Amino acid sequence: MAIWNDPQSSQPGFGASASIGAVGGRAAGLDAGLRRYMLSIYNYMASGVLLSGVVALLFAQSGMALAVFGTPLRWLIALAPLGFVMAMSFGVNRMRETTLKMLFWAFCVAMGLSLSSIFFVYTGASIATTFFATAGAFAGLSLVGYTTKRDLSAMGAFMVMGLFGILIAMVINLFLRSPGLSLAVSVLGVLIFAGLTAWDTQKLKGMYYQAAGTSYVGKVVIMGALSLYLDFINMFMFLLRFMGDRR
């Protein structure tokens, strides 16, 4: 029988108070750690995009890009970023965190060299407009992925399947050279990488709870930045294909 009028009956004991305080402290520490973790990913990703942009612009303005793209070296420049991505993805468990960081920055430089060709195809104004449009869309989509309570795993799997589909369509269009198919691929590419941005953000948030407190968390930050970088750059490139003004 409860003693409703007993003021002590509604007071938690010392042990209960300590337990509640400990849980609250752990939750607060976890939230602070998650914020630092996500900010680290975004900082690496944004710095990588900035580095690639600077390298692309300087390489294009130097005149070296035109000379190189007229030789077989253009294939090395085009495929080098893929080589870095594969090396980091397959070697992440064996590599040290410092090695991953160096490879990430090297990848950003290689990607900048590869992206320099867009300055010969599209006007500077349309590149800038598309970049800022992509940045705004990326920020919104990443925020959705971070805050939503809905599990995006099913959507992510569907987007990955769609990614393989547009890759096949792009290869086919190398022979068909169909403007209609090219436009369809560009639109689908934007939608797919928009979905992947939200999914990757949610996935990275979930990975923090598995990696927090371990030495692996630093590697997760670098690989997470790489994933979001690829989402951003691919969304930008597909958006540029049908938004950009050609020279």
Protein backbone atom coordinates (compact mmCIF):
# COMPACT_ATOMS: atom_id res chain seq x y z
CA MET A 1 0.00 0.00 0.00
CA ALA A 2 1.52 3.33 -1.03
CA ILE A 3 1.91 6.08 1.54
CA TRP A 4 0.80 8.97 -0.69
CA ASN A 5 1.24 11.63 1.98
CA ASP A 6 4.76 10.57 2.94
CA PRO A 7 7.11 13.16 1.42
CA GLN A 8 10.00 10.70 1.52
CA SER A 9 8.15 8.16 -0.64
CA SER A 10 8.67 10.33 -3.75
CA GLN A 11 12.37 10.97 -3.09
CA PRO A 12 14.84 8.69 -4.87
CA GLY A 13 17.47 7.03 -2.72
CA PHE A 14 21.15 7.95 -2.94
CA GLY A 15 21.90 4.92 -5.10
CA ALA A 16 19.10 5.70 -7.55
CA SER A 17 20.21 9.31 -7.85
CA ALA A 18 23.78 8.27 -8.53
CA SER A 19 22.60 5.75 -11.12
CA ILE A 20 20.48 8.32 -12.95
CA GLY A 21 23.36 10.80 -12.86
CA ALA A 22 25.77 8.23 -14.24
CA VAL A 23 23.43 7.35 -17.11
CA GLY A 24 22.90 11.03 -17.89
CA GLY A 25 26.64 11.64 -17.81
CA ARG A 26 27.29 8.76 -20.19
CA ALA A 27 24.55 9.99 -22.55
CA ALA A 28 25.95 13.53 -22.51
CA GLY A 29 29.46 12.21 -23.13
CA LEU A 30 28.19 10.06 -25.99
CA ASP A 31 26.37 12.98 -27.61
CA ALA A 32 29.46 15.20 -27.33
CA GLY A 33 31.61 12.43 -28.78
CA LEU A 34 29.18 11.91 -31.66
CA ARG A 35 29.24 15.61 -32.49
CA ARG A 36 33.04 15.67 -32.51
CA TYR A 37 33.11 12.53 -34.65
CA MET A 38 30.66 13.86 -37.25
CA LEU A 39 32.36 17.27 -37.34
CA SER A 40 35.71 15.56 -37.95
CA ILE A 41 34.20 13.68 -40.91
CA TYR A 42 32.69 16.85 -42.38
CA ASN A 43 35.91 18.80 -41.85
CA TYR A 44 37.98 16.18 -43.68
CA MET A 45 35.39 15.92 -46.45
CA ALA A 46 35.08 19.71 -46.93
CA SER A 47 38.87 20.16 -46.82
CA GLY A 48 39.26 17.41 -49.40
CA VAL A 49 36.71 19.01 -51.75
CA LEU A 50 38.44 22.38 -51.34
CA LEU A 51 41.86 20.85 -52.06
CA SER A 52 40.54 19.12 -55.19
CA GLY A 53 38.94 22.34 -56.41
CA VAL A 54 42.14 24.35 -55.95
CA VAL A 55 44.25 21.69 -57.68
CA ALA A 56 41.76 21.44 -60.56
CA LEU A 57 41.69 25.20 -61.10
CA LEU A 58 45.46 25.66 -60.89
CA PHE A 59 46.15 22.68 -63.16
CA ALA A 60 43.67 23.96 -65.76
CA GLN A 61 45.04 27.51 -65.68
CA SER A 62 48.66 26.38 -65.87
CA GLY A 63 48.20 25.07 -69.40
CA MET A 64 49.64 21.70 -68.40
CA ALA A 65 46.20 20.09 -68.43
CA LEU A 66 45.69 20.66 -72.15
CA ALA A 67 49.10 19.19 -72.90
CA VAL A 68 48.57 16.14 -70.69
CA PHE A 69 45.01 15.38 -71.83
CA GLY A 70 46.29 15.07 -75.37
CA THR A 71 48.55 12.16 -74.40
CA PRO A 72 48.04 8.65 -72.95
CA LEU A 73 48.77 10.18 -69.54
CA ARG A 74 45.12 11.27 -69.45
CA TRP A 75 44.17 7.67 -68.66
CA LEU A 76 46.53 7.62 -65.70
CA ILE A 77 45.00 10.85 -64.39
CA ALA A 78 41.46 9.53 -64.96
CA LEU A 79 42.04 6.17 -63.25
CA ALA A 80 44.34 7.26 -60.41
CA PRO A 81 41.46 8.30 -58.07
CA LEU A 82 39.86 4.87 -58.49
CA GLY A 83 43.17 3.25 -57.57
CA PHE A 84 43.38 5.27 -54.34
CA VAL A 85 39.78 4.40 -53.42
CA MET A 86 40.39 0.69 -53.94
CA ALA A 87 43.67 0.77 -51.98
CA MET A 88 42.02 2.51 -49.03
CA SER A 89 38.90 0.32 -49.08
CA PHE A 90 40.70 -3.01 -49.25
CA GLY A 91 43.63 -2.03 -47.04
CA VAL A 92 41.84 -0.13 -44.27
CA ASN A 93 42.26 -2.94 -41.72
CA ARG A 94 45.99 -3.33 -42.37
CA MET A 95 46.94 0.33 -42.72
CA ARG A 96 47.73 2.77 -39.96
CA GLU A 97 45.55 5.82 -39.49
CA THR A 98 48.36 8.12 -40.64
CA THR A 99 48.75 6.08 -43.85
CA LEU A 100 45.02 6.39 -44.55
CA LYS A 101 45.22 10.15 -44.04
CA MET A 102 48.09 10.48 -46.51
CA LEU A 103 46.23 8.36 -49.05
CA PHE A 104 43.10 10.47 -48.58
CA TRP A 105 44.96 13.70 -49.32
CA ALA A 106 46.74 12.08 -52.26
CA PHE A 107 43.35 10.93 -53.56
CA CYS A 108 42.00 14.49 -53.31
CA VAL A 109 44.96 15.80 -55.33
CA ALA A 110 44.53 13.08 -57.97
CA MET A 111 40.81 13.83 -58.12
CA GLY A 112 41.59 17.51 -58.60
CA LEU A 113 43.83 16.71 -61.57
CA SER A 114 41.07 14.59 -63.06
CA LEU A 115 38.40 17.25 -62.50
CA SER A 116 40.45 19.97 -64.21
CA SER A 117 38.95 18.95 -67.56
CA ILE A 118 35.58 20.46 -66.63
CA PHE A 119 37.06 23.96 -66.96
CA PHE A 120 37.58 23.30 -70.69
CA VAL A 121 34.02 22.01 -71.19
CA TYR A 122 31.82 24.25 -69.02
CA THR A 123 31.81 27.96 -68.26
CA GLY A 124 33.22 29.11 -64.93
CA ALA A 125 29.89 30.67 -63.94
CA SER A 126 27.94 27.45 -64.48
CA ILE A 127 30.56 25.43 -62.57
CA ALA A 128 30.29 27.81 -59.61
CA THR A 129 26.47 27.81 -59.72
CA THR A 130 26.31 24.02 -59.86
CA PHE A 131 28.85 23.70 -57.05
CA PHE A 132 26.85 25.88 -54.67
CA ALA A 133 23.61 24.14 -55.65
CA THR A 134 25.25 20.81 -54.89
CA ALA A 135 26.60 22.10 -51.57
CA GLY A 136 23.14 23.25 -50.49
CA ALA A 137 21.51 19.97 -51.52
CA PHE A 138 24.26 17.94 -49.84
CA ALA A 139 23.88 19.83 -46.56
CA GLY A 140 20.11 19.30 -46.53
CA LEU A 141 20.31 15.62 -47.45
CA SER A 142 23.04 14.94 -44.90
CA LEU A 143 20.94 16.65 -42.23
CA VAL A 144 18.01 14.41 -43.13
CA GLY A 145 20.21 11.32 -42.82
CA TYR A 146 21.54 12.49 -39.46
CA THR A 147 18.20 13.38 -37.87
CA THR A 148 15.71 10.92 -39.34
CA LYS A 149 14.46 8.06 -37.16
CA ARG A 150 13.60 5.98 -40.20
CA ASP A 151 15.97 3.17 -41.13
CA LEU A 152 17.36 4.01 -44.58
CA SER A 153 19.10 0.66 -45.13
CA ALA A 154 16.53 -0.57 -47.67
CA MET A 155 16.75 2.70 -49.60
CA GLY A 156 20.54 2.53 -49.53
CA ALA A 157 20.57 -0.99 -50.97
CA PHE A 158 18.19 0.15 -53.72
CA MET A 159 20.44 3.14 -54.51
CA VAL A 160 23.51 0.90 -54.77
CA MET A 161 21.65 -1.31 -57.27
CA GLY A 162 20.67 1.82 -59.19
CA LEU A 163 24.31 2.93 -59.21
CA PHE A 164 25.36 -0.27 -60.97
CA GLY A 165 22.50 0.30 -63.42
CA ILE A 166 23.64 3.78 -64.43
CA LEU A 167 27.24 2.59 -64.75
CA ILE A 168 26.08 -0.02 -67.27
CA ALA A 169 23.97 2.61 -69.06
CA MET A 170 26.98 4.95 -69.26
CA VAL A 171 29.12 2.22 -70.83
CA ILE A 172 26.37 1.45 -73.36
CA ASN A 173 26.01 5.14 -74.19
CA LEU A 174 29.71 5.34 -75.05
CA PHE A 175 28.73 3.44 -78.21
CA LEU A 176 25.19 4.77 -78.75
CA ARG A 177 25.97 8.43 -77.99
CA SER A 178 22.29 9.08 -77.32
CA PRO A 179 21.52 12.57 -75.88
CA GLY A 180 18.28 11.26 -74.39
CA LEU A 181 20.00 8.41 -72.58
CA SER A 182 22.75 10.78 -71.41
CA LEU A 183 20.16 13.13 -69.90
CA ALA A 184 18.33 10.23 -68.22
CA VAL A 185 21.60 8.94 -66.74
CA SER A 186 22.43 12.42 -65.41
CA VAL A 187 19.03 12.83 -63.74
CA LEU A 188 19.13 9.35 -62.23
CA GLY A 189 22.72 9.92 -61.10
CA VAL A 190 21.72 13.04 -59.16
CA LEU A 191 18.81 11.20 -57.50
CA ILE A 192 20.91 8.15 -56.65
CA PHE A 193 23.74 10.10 -55.05
CA ALA A 194 21.23 12.29 -53.23
CA GLY A 195 19.83 9.13 -51.63
CA LEU A 196 23.30 7.76 -50.94
CA THR A 197 24.24 11.00 -49.15
CA ALA A 198 21.40 10.56 -46.65
CA TRP A 199 22.07 6.84 -46.26
CA ASP A 200 25.82 7.20 -45.81
CA THR A 201 25.29 9.90 -43.18
CA GLN A 202 22.95 7.66 -41.19
CA LYS A 203 25.33 4.72 -41.59
CA LEU A 204 28.29 6.75 -40.36
CA LYS A 205 26.27 7.92 -37.35
CA GLY A 206 25.51 4.29 -36.50
CA MET A 207 29.14 3.26 -36.92
CA TYR A 208 30.16 5.71 -34.20
CA TYR A 209 28.34 3.65 -31.57
CA GLN A 210 30.33 0.61 -32.65
CA ALA A 211 33.71 2.32 -32.95
CA ALA A 212 33.50 4.79 -30.02
CA GLY A 213 36.26 4.25 -27.50
CA THR A 214 38.35 2.10 -29.84
CA SER A 215 41.46 2.90 -31.85
CA TYR A 216 39.46 2.22 -35.03
CA VAL A 217 37.38 5.40 -34.75
CA GLY A 218 40.06 7.49 -36.47
CA LYS A 219 39.98 5.19 -39.49
CA VAL A 220 36.18 5.39 -39.59
CA VAL A 221 36.45 9.19 -39.74
CA ILE A 222 38.77 9.07 -42.77
CA MET A 223 36.75 6.44 -44.62
CA GLY A 224 33.54 8.29 -43.77
CA ALA A 225 34.97 11.49 -45.21
CA LEU A 226 35.90 9.55 -48.35
CA SER A 227 32.35 8.20 -48.71
CA LEU A 228 30.73 11.62 -48.34
CA TYR A 229 33.34 13.17 -50.65
CA LEU A 230 32.43 10.68 -53.37
CA ASP A 231 28.71 11.32 -52.86
CA PHE A 232 29.27 15.08 -53.18
CA ILE A 233 31.57 14.97 -56.21
CA ASN A 234 29.41 12.50 -58.11
CA MET A 235 26.24 14.47 -57.40
CA PHE A 236 28.06 17.62 -58.57
CA MET A 237 29.29 15.99 -61.79
CA PHE A 238 25.89 14.55 -62.73
CA LEU A 239 24.20 17.86 -61.93
CA LEU A 240 26.77 19.69 -64.04
CA ARG A 241 26.06 17.45 -67.02
CA PHE A 242 22.55 18.85 -67.46
CA MET A 243 22.81 22.18 -65.63
CA GLY A 244 26.18 23.38 -66.91
CA ASP A 245 26.57 25.78 -69.83
CA ARG A 246 29.08 24.43 -72.32
CA ARG A 247 31.76 26.62 -73.83
